[in-house]
C-alpha atoms as a PDB file:
ATOM      1  CA  MET A   1     -19.843   4.292  19.103  1.00  0.00           C
ATOM      2  CA  SER A   2     -20.030   5.183  15.394  1.00  0.00           C
ATOM      3  CA  GLN A   3     -20.937   3.271  12.260  1.00  0.00           C
ATOM      4  CA  PRO A   4     -18.347   1.008  10.594  1.00  0.00           C
ATOM      5  CA  PHE A   5     -16.749   2.627   7.550  1.00  0.00           C
ATOM      6  CA  ILE A   6     -14.685   1.064   4.751  1.00  0.00           C
ATOM      7  CA  TYR A   7     -11.974   3.456   3.513  1.00  0.00           C
ATOM      8  CA  ALA A   8     -10.783   1.199   0.683  1.00  0.00           C
ATOM      9  CA  GLU A   9     -11.359  -2.326  -0.520  1.00  0.00           C
ATOM     10  CA  ILE A  10     -10.013  -4.587  -3.243  1.00  0.00           C
ATOM     11  CA  PRO A  11     -12.151  -7.730  -3.476  1.00  0.00           C
ATOM     12  CA  MET A  12     -10.245 -10.959  -2.898  1.00  0.00           C
ATOM     13  CA  PHE A  13      -7.233  -8.957  -1.611  1.00  0.00           C
ATOM     14  CA  GLY A  14      -8.025  -6.760   1.370  1.00  0.00           C
ATOM     15  CA  ARG A  15      -9.524  -3.644   2.849  1.00  0.00           C
ATOM     16  CA  VAL A  16      -8.900  -0.734   5.179  1.00  0.00           C
ATOM     17  CA  TYR A  17     -11.717   0.075   7.563  1.00  0.00           C
ATOM     18  CA  ASP A  18     -12.911   1.603  10.818  1.00  0.00           C
ATOM     19  CA  CYS A  19     -14.941  -0.888  12.823  1.00  0.00           C
ATOM     20  CA  GLY A  20     -16.848   1.940  14.486  1.00  0.00           C
ATOM     21  CA  GLU A  21     -16.018   0.731  17.981  1.00  0.00           C
ATOM     22  CA  CYS A  22     -12.365   1.124  18.953  1.00  0.00           C
ATOM     23  CA  GLY A  23     -11.239   4.290  17.121  1.00  0.00           C
ATOM     24  CA  CYS A  24      -8.474   2.437  15.290  1.00  0.00           C
ATOM     25  CA  VAL A  25      -7.880   1.780  11.613  1.00  0.00           C
ATOM     26  CA  HIS A  26      -7.909  -1.876  10.587  1.00  0.00           C
ATOM     27  CA  VAL A  27      -5.852  -3.069   7.620  1.00  0.00           C
ATOM     28  CA  GLN A  28      -6.800  -6.508   6.343  1.00  0.00           C
ATOM     29  CA  VAL A  29      -4.748  -8.243   3.640  1.00  0.00           C
ATOM     30  CA  GLY A  30      -5.841 -11.794   2.996  1.00  0.00           C
ATOM     31  CA  PRO A  31      -6.118 -13.534   6.362  1.00  0.00           C
ATOM     32  CA  VAL A  32      -3.960 -10.931   8.156  1.00  0.00           C
ATOM     33  CA  ASN A  33      -5.648  -8.111  10.061  1.00  0.00           C
ATOM     34  CA  ILE A  34      -3.494  -5.385  11.657  1.00  0.00           C
ATOM     35  CA  THR A  35      -4.971  -2.701  13.878  1.00  0.00           C
ATOM     36  CA  PHE A  36      -3.357   0.760  13.942  1.00  0.00           C
ATOM     37  CA  GLN A  37      -3.839   3.844  16.016  1.00  0.00           C
ATOM     38  CA  PRO A  38      -4.708   6.683  13.587  1.00  0.00           C
ATOM     39  CA  ASP A  39      -1.234   8.296  13.794  1.00  0.00           C
ATOM     40  CA  ALA A  40       0.486   4.951  13.201  1.00  0.00           C
ATOM     41  CA  TYR A  41      -1.809   4.281  10.247  1.00  0.00           C
ATOM     42  CA  MET A  42      -0.789   7.605   8.672  1.00  0.00           C
ATOM     43  CA  GLN A  43       2.876   6.630   9.165  1.00  0.00           C
ATOM     44  CA  LEU A  44       2.128   3.355   7.376  1.00  0.00           C
ATOM     45  CA  VAL A  45       0.535   5.300   4.510  1.00  0.00           C
ATOM     46  CA  ASP A  46       3.682   7.431   4.240  1.00  0.00           C
ATOM     47  CA  LEU A  47       5.889   4.321   4.334  1.00  0.00           C
ATOM     48  CA  ILE A  48       3.896   2.618   1.562  1.00  0.00           C
ATOM     49  CA  HIS A  49       3.843   5.812  -0.517  1.00  0.00           C
ATOM     50  CA  GLN A  50       7.632   6.178  -0.255  1.00  0.00           C
ATOM     51  CA  SER A  51       8.250   2.523  -1.045  1.00  0.00           C
ATOM     52  CA  ALA A  52       5.929   2.645  -4.082  1.00  0.00           C
ATOM     53  CA  ALA A  53       7.762   5.704  -5.434  1.00  0.00           C
ATOM     54  CA  ASN A  54      11.143   4.024  -4.905  1.00  0.00           C
ATOM     55  CA  TYR A  55       9.874   0.806  -6.479  1.00  0.00           C
ATOM     56  CA  GLU A  56       8.663   2.686  -9.546  1.00  0.00           C
ATOM     57  CA  THR A  57      11.981   4.532  -9.859  1.00  0.00           C
ATOM     58  CA  ARG A  58      13.905   1.261  -9.609  1.00  0.00           C
ATOM     59  CA  ILE A  59      11.724  -0.483 -12.175  1.00  0.00           C
ATOM     60  CA  GLN A  60      12.044   2.459 -14.576  1.00  0.00           C
ATOM     61  CA  GLY A  61      15.807   2.322 -14.113  1.00  0.00           C
ATOM     62  CA  ARG A  62      15.864  -1.389 -14.907  1.00  0.00           C
ATOM     63  CA  LEU A  63      13.714  -0.868 -17.986  1.00  0.00           C
ATOM     64  CA  GLY A  64      16.066   1.885 -19.129  1.00  0.00           C
ATOM     65  CA  VAL A  65      19.112  -0.371 -18.698  1.00  0.00           C
ATOM     66  CA  GLU A  66      17.405  -3.191 -20.599  1.00  0.00           C
ATOM     67  CA  ALA A  67      16.386  -0.838 -23.428  1.00  0.00           C
ATOM     68  CA  ARG A  68      19.946   0.514 -23.742  1.00  0.00           C
ATOM     69  CA  ALA A  69      21.366  -3.026 -23.763  1.00  0.00           C
ATOM     70  CA  GLU A  70      18.906  -4.026 -26.465  1.00  0.00           C
ATOM     71  CA  GLU A  71      19.862  -0.982 -28.584  1.00  0.00           C
ATOM     72  CA  GLU A  72      23.549  -1.847 -28.224  1.00  0.00           C
ATOM     73  CA  ASN A  73      22.876  -5.428 -29.388  1.00  0.00           C
ATOM     74  CA  GLN A  74      21.166  -4.321 -32.589  1.00  0.00           C
END
């Protein structure tokens, strides 16, 4: 058994931690707590990273379209 360890925390939102007992990674967002095996947690990290990059690309694309539309209306 090892000591509990918090990998990341945003107050009033959630945290990612190791309880020190089961060898899993716990992801808590609000009242929801999901427990992952370490390999599955790393897959989740990859999934979130990819989705954040795609989200940013999409938002930038929308902003570009809006800026071009605004220029055309002037």
